[in-house]
Structures are given as C-alpha cells and as structure tokens.
Amino acid sequence: QRKRRRLGELKKTLREKIVLYNAIPGCEEKIDTEAACSLCDVILPWEAQGDG
C-alpha cells in the first residue's frame, strides 16, 4: 500500500512537471499528460508485482 501511495505521489509530481513544461512559450512539442502518467504503470514494474 505504501508503494501505491508513492506511485500516486510520483504521478502527481510528473503531472505538475508536464504542465510546467507545456507552459513554456515557444515550445512546439507538448506532452500528453494522461499518456505520460499511465506509462508509470508500465515503467515501474515493482508496482505490478504488488506489495511483496
């Protein structure tokens, strides 16, 4: 459960960073926030293994 809470915190931080990045004037490439945050489930394999 601690890992799940940590993952939630990481997703929130990632979302905040993406919003800041997307707000940069003159930056043509924007990041899809939802797509990036859902990748966390794939990128962080320990979450998929559960609390063990």
C-alpha atoms as a PDB file:
ATOM      1  CA  GLN A   1       0.000   0.000   0.000  1.00  0.00           C
ATOM      2  CA  ARG A   2       2.939   2.303   0.673  1.00  0.00           C
ATOM      3  CA  LYS A   3       4.183   1.688  -2.871  1.00  0.00           C
ATOM      4  CA  ARG A   4       0.760   2.553  -4.274  1.00  0.00           C
ATOM      5  CA  ARG A   5       0.754   5.841  -2.325  1.00  0.00           C
ATOM      6  CA  ARG A   6       4.296   6.571  -3.542  1.00  0.00           C
ATOM      7  CA  LEU A   7       3.198   5.890  -7.119  1.00  0.00           C
ATOM      8  CA  GLY A   8       0.336   8.352  -6.662  1.00  0.00           C
ATOM      9  CA  GLU A   9       2.799  10.979  -5.428  1.00  0.00           C
ATOM     10  CA  LEU A  10       5.093  10.339  -8.394  1.00  0.00           C
ATOM     11  CA  LYS A  11       2.208  10.677 -10.844  1.00  0.00           C
ATOM     12  CA  LYS A  12       1.153  13.963  -9.227  1.00  0.00           C
ATOM     13  CA  THR A  13       4.712  15.322  -9.454  1.00  0.00           C
ATOM     14  CA  LEU A  14       5.021  14.145 -13.049  1.00  0.00           C
ATOM     15  CA  ARG A  15       1.716  15.799 -13.933  1.00  0.00           C
ATOM     16  CA  GLU A  16       2.892  19.097 -12.370  1.00  0.00           C
ATOM     17  CA  LYS A  17       6.207  18.975 -14.265  1.00  0.00           C
ATOM     18  CA  ILE A  18       4.419  18.283 -17.556  1.00  0.00           C
ATOM     19  CA  VAL A  19       2.068  21.239 -17.013  1.00  0.00           C
ATOM     20  CA  LEU A  20       5.093  23.478 -16.403  1.00  0.00           C
ATOM     21  CA  TYR A  21       6.863  22.096 -19.486  1.00  0.00           C
ATOM     22  CA  ASN A  22       3.796  22.577 -21.672  1.00  0.00           C
ATOM     23  CA  ALA A  23       3.540  26.195 -20.468  1.00  0.00           C
ATOM     24  CA  ILE A  24       6.982  27.106 -21.857  1.00  0.00           C
ATOM     25  CA  PRO A  25       6.433  29.737 -24.554  1.00  0.00           C
ATOM     26  CA  GLY A  26       7.726  28.782 -27.983  1.00  0.00           C
ATOM     27  CA  CYS A  27       7.859  25.084 -27.172  1.00  0.00           C
ATOM     28  CA  GLU A  28       6.224  23.364 -30.127  1.00  0.00           C
ATOM     29  CA  GLU A  29       6.079  19.824 -28.754  1.00  0.00           C
ATOM     30  CA  LYS A  30       3.589  19.345 -25.952  1.00  0.00           C
ATOM     31  CA  ILE A  31       3.430  16.271 -23.729  1.00  0.00           C
ATOM     32  CA  ASP A  32       0.153  14.382 -23.305  1.00  0.00           C
ATOM     33  CA  THR A  33      -0.242  14.356 -19.522  1.00  0.00           C
ATOM     34  CA  GLU A  34      -2.614  11.394 -19.338  1.00  0.00           C
ATOM     35  CA  ALA A  35      -0.482   9.245 -21.642  1.00  0.00           C
ATOM     36  CA  ALA A  36       2.688  10.013 -19.700  1.00  0.00           C
ATOM     37  CA  CYS A  37       1.086   9.275 -16.329  1.00  0.00           C
ATOM     38  CA  SER A  38      -0.394   5.989 -17.498  1.00  0.00           C
ATOM     39  CA  LEU A  39       3.074   4.926 -18.636  1.00  0.00           C
ATOM     40  CA  CYS A  40       4.098   4.946 -14.961  1.00  0.00           C
ATOM     41  CA  ASP A  41       2.252   1.645 -14.546  1.00  0.00           C
ATOM     42  CA  VAL A  42       4.455   0.090 -17.229  1.00  0.00           C
ATOM     43  CA  ILE A  43       7.708   1.834 -16.366  1.00  0.00           C
ATOM     44  CA  LEU A  44       7.558   0.980 -12.667  1.00  0.00           C
ATOM     45  CA  PRO A  45       7.409  -2.844 -12.645  1.00  0.00           C
ATOM     46  CA  TRP A  46       7.554  -3.156  -8.849  1.00  0.00           C
ATOM     47  CA  GLU A  47       4.024  -1.729  -8.684  1.00  0.00           C
ATOM     48  CA  ALA A  48       2.714  -4.523 -10.914  1.00  0.00           C
ATOM     49  CA  GLN A  49       4.274  -7.099  -8.551  1.00  0.00           C
ATOM     50  CA  GLY A  50       2.203  -5.805  -5.646  1.00  0.00           C
ATOM     51  CA  ASP A  51       3.230  -5.306  -2.046  1.00  0.00           C
ATOM     52  CA  GLY A  52       5.580  -8.160  -1.573  1.00  0.00           C
END
